Amino acid sequence: IASTVVAVGLTIAAAGFASCYVLQAMKHMEPQVKQVFQSLTKSAFSGGYYRGGWSER
């Protein structure tokens, strides 16, 4: 039983460290992601109307 408790504790600790690392990585990537979204919306909506999605009928 003691080894199961130790294994569960180590798993929880590893999950905590992993989530902390992921959050730090996302903070560093945020400006790059914003720039990609801005460039996508500018290209899709340039010219005054939406250029993607639905085909003309």
N, C-alpha and C. Protein backbone atom coordinates (compact mmCIF):
# COMPACT_ATOMS: atom_id res chain seq x y z
N ILE A 1 0.84 -1.18 0.00
CA ILE A 1 0.00 0.00 0.00
C ILE A 1 0.89 1.26 0.00
N ALA A 2 1.98 1.23 0.73
CA ALA A 2 2.85 2.39 0.82
C ALA A 2 3.45 2.74 -0.55
N SER A 3 3.80 1.72 -1.33
CA SER A 3 4.39 2.00 -2.64
C SER A 3 3.35 2.62 -3.58
N THR A 4 2.09 2.25 -3.43
CA THR A 4 1.03 2.85 -4.25
C THR A 4 0.85 4.32 -3.89
N VAL A 5 0.90 4.64 -2.61
CA VAL A 5 0.76 6.03 -2.18
C VAL A 5 1.93 6.86 -2.70
N VAL A 6 3.14 6.30 -2.65
CA VAL A 6 4.32 7.00 -3.16
C VAL A 6 4.19 7.22 -4.66
N ALA A 7 3.74 6.21 -5.39
CA ALA A 7 3.58 6.34 -6.84
C ALA A 7 2.54 7.40 -7.19
N VAL A 8 1.43 7.42 -6.46
CA VAL A 8 0.39 8.43 -6.71
C VAL A 8 0.93 9.82 -6.40
N GLY A 9 1.67 9.97 -5.33
CA GLY A 9 2.25 11.26 -4.98
C GLY A 9 3.23 11.76 -6.02
N LEU A 10 4.08 10.86 -6.52
CA LEU A 10 5.03 11.24 -7.56
C LEU A 10 4.32 11.63 -8.86
N THR A 11 3.24 10.93 -9.16
CA THR A 11 2.47 11.24 -10.37
C THR A 11 1.83 12.62 -10.26
N ILE A 12 1.28 12.93 -9.11
CA ILE A 12 0.66 14.24 -8.89
C ILE A 12 1.72 15.35 -8.96
N ALA A 13 2.87 15.10 -8.36
CA ALA A 13 3.95 16.09 -8.41
C ALA A 13 4.44 16.31 -9.84
N ALA A 14 4.58 15.25 -10.60
CA ALA A 14 5.01 15.37 -11.99
C ALA A 14 4.00 16.14 -12.82
N ALA A 15 2.71 15.89 -12.57
CA ALA A 15 1.67 16.62 -13.29
C ALA A 15 1.72 18.11 -12.94
N GLY A 16 1.97 18.43 -11.70
CA GLY A 16 2.08 19.83 -11.29
C GLY A 16 3.25 20.54 -11.95
N PHE A 17 4.42 19.89 -11.98
CA PHE A 17 5.57 20.49 -12.63
C PHE A 17 5.34 20.64 -14.12
N ALA A 18 4.72 19.65 -14.74
CA ALA A 18 4.46 19.72 -16.19
C ALA A 18 3.51 20.86 -16.51
N SER A 19 2.46 21.03 -15.72
CA SER A 19 1.51 22.11 -16.00
C SER A 19 2.16 23.47 -15.79
N CYS A 20 3.03 23.60 -14.82
CA CYS A 20 3.76 24.86 -14.60
C CYS A 20 4.66 25.17 -15.79
N TYR A 21 5.33 24.17 -16.31
CA TYR A 21 6.20 24.36 -17.47
C TYR A 21 5.40 24.76 -18.70
N VAL A 22 4.24 24.13 -18.91
CA VAL A 22 3.39 24.46 -20.06
C VAL A 22 2.89 25.90 -19.95
N LEU A 23 2.48 26.32 -18.78
CA LEU A 23 2.01 27.70 -18.61
C LEU A 23 3.12 28.71 -18.89
N GLN A 24 4.33 28.43 -18.44
CA GLN A 24 5.44 29.33 -18.72
C GLN A 24 5.74 29.39 -20.22
N ALA A 25 5.68 28.25 -20.89
CA ALA A 25 5.93 28.22 -22.33
C ALA A 25 4.85 29.00 -23.09
N MET A 26 3.61 28.91 -22.64
CA MET A 26 2.52 29.63 -23.31
C MET A 26 2.68 31.14 -23.13
N LYS A 27 3.18 31.58 -21.98
CA LYS A 27 3.40 33.02 -21.77
C LYS A 27 4.43 33.56 -22.75
N HIS A 28 5.47 32.77 -23.03
CA HIS A 28 6.51 33.21 -23.95
C HIS A 28 6.03 33.19 -25.39
N MET A 29 5.08 32.33 -25.72
CA MET A 29 4.59 32.20 -27.10
C MET A 29 3.43 33.15 -27.40
N GLU A 30 2.86 33.81 -26.42
CA GLU A 30 1.66 34.62 -26.61
C GLU A 30 1.83 35.72 -27.67
N PRO A 31 2.92 36.51 -27.68
CA PRO A 31 3.04 37.53 -28.73
C PRO A 31 3.09 36.95 -30.13
N GLN A 32 3.74 35.80 -30.30
CA GLN A 32 3.82 35.17 -31.61
C GLN A 32 2.46 34.68 -32.06
N VAL A 33 1.68 34.11 -31.15
CA VAL A 33 0.34 33.63 -31.50
C VAL A 33 -0.56 34.79 -31.88
N LYS A 34 -0.48 35.90 -31.15
CA LYS A 34 -1.28 37.07 -31.48
C LYS A 34 -0.93 37.59 -32.87
N GLN A 35 0.36 37.59 -33.21
CA GLN A 35 0.78 38.08 -34.51
C GLN A 35 0.23 37.19 -35.63
N VAL A 36 0.22 35.89 -35.42
CA VAL A 36 -0.30 34.97 -36.43
C VAL A 36 -1.80 35.21 -36.63
N PHE A 37 -2.55 35.37 -35.54
CA PHE A 37 -3.99 35.61 -35.67
C PHE A 37 -4.26 36.94 -36.37
N GLN A 38 -3.47 37.96 -36.08
CA GLN A 38 -3.68 39.25 -36.74
C GLN A 38 -3.41 39.15 -38.22
N SER A 39 -2.38 38.44 -38.61
CA SER A 39 -2.08 38.31 -40.04
C SER A 39 -3.15 37.49 -40.75
N LEU A 40 -3.71 36.48 -40.07
CA LEU A 40 -4.77 35.69 -40.68
C LEU A 40 -6.03 36.52 -40.89
N THR A 41 -6.41 37.30 -39.90
CA THR A 41 -7.63 38.08 -40.03
C THR A 41 -7.45 39.19 -41.06
N LYS A 42 -6.27 39.77 -41.16
CA LYS A 42 -6.03 40.82 -42.16
C LYS A 42 -6.14 40.24 -43.57
N SER A 43 -5.60 39.06 -43.80
CA SER A 43 -5.64 38.49 -45.14
C SER A 43 -7.04 37.99 -45.48
N ALA A 44 -7.78 37.50 -44.51
CA ALA A 44 -9.12 36.97 -44.78
C ALA A 44 -10.12 38.09 -45.02
N PHE A 45 -9.97 39.22 -44.35
CA PHE A 45 -10.96 40.29 -44.44
C PHE A 45 -10.48 41.47 -45.28
N SER A 46 -9.37 41.35 -45.97
CA SER A 46 -8.89 42.48 -46.76
C SER A 46 -9.80 42.69 -47.97
N GLY A 47 -9.95 43.92 -48.37
CA GLY A 47 -10.80 44.23 -49.51
C GLY A 47 -12.22 44.56 -49.11
N GLY A 48 -12.54 44.54 -47.84
CA GLY A 48 -13.87 44.96 -47.40
C GLY A 48 -14.87 43.84 -47.26
N TYR A 49 -14.54 42.65 -47.66
CA TYR A 49 -15.47 41.54 -47.48
C TYR A 49 -14.69 40.27 -47.16
N TYR A 50 -15.41 39.30 -46.66
CA TYR A 50 -14.78 38.05 -46.23
C TYR A 50 -14.43 37.21 -47.45
N ARG A 51 -13.16 36.78 -47.56
CA ARG A 51 -12.71 36.06 -48.73
C ARG A 51 -12.75 34.53 -48.55
N GLY A 52 -13.07 34.05 -47.40
CA GLY A 52 -13.00 32.61 -47.18
C GLY A 52 -14.33 32.06 -46.71
N GLY A 53 -14.37 30.75 -46.58
CA GLY A 53 -15.57 30.13 -46.01
C GLY A 53 -16.58 29.72 -47.06
N TRP A 54 -17.51 30.56 -47.35
CA TRP A 54 -18.60 30.21 -48.26
C TRP A 54 -18.23 30.50 -49.69
N SER A 55 -18.69 29.65 -50.59
CA SER A 55 -18.47 29.92 -52.01
C SER A 55 -19.56 30.85 -52.52
N GLU A 56 -19.25 31.57 -53.60
CA GLU A 56 -20.23 32.51 -54.14
C GLU A 56 -21.34 31.74 -54.84
N ARG A 57 -22.56 32.28 -54.74
CA ARG A 57 -23.70 31.60 -55.37
C ARG A 57 -24.31 32.46 -56.42
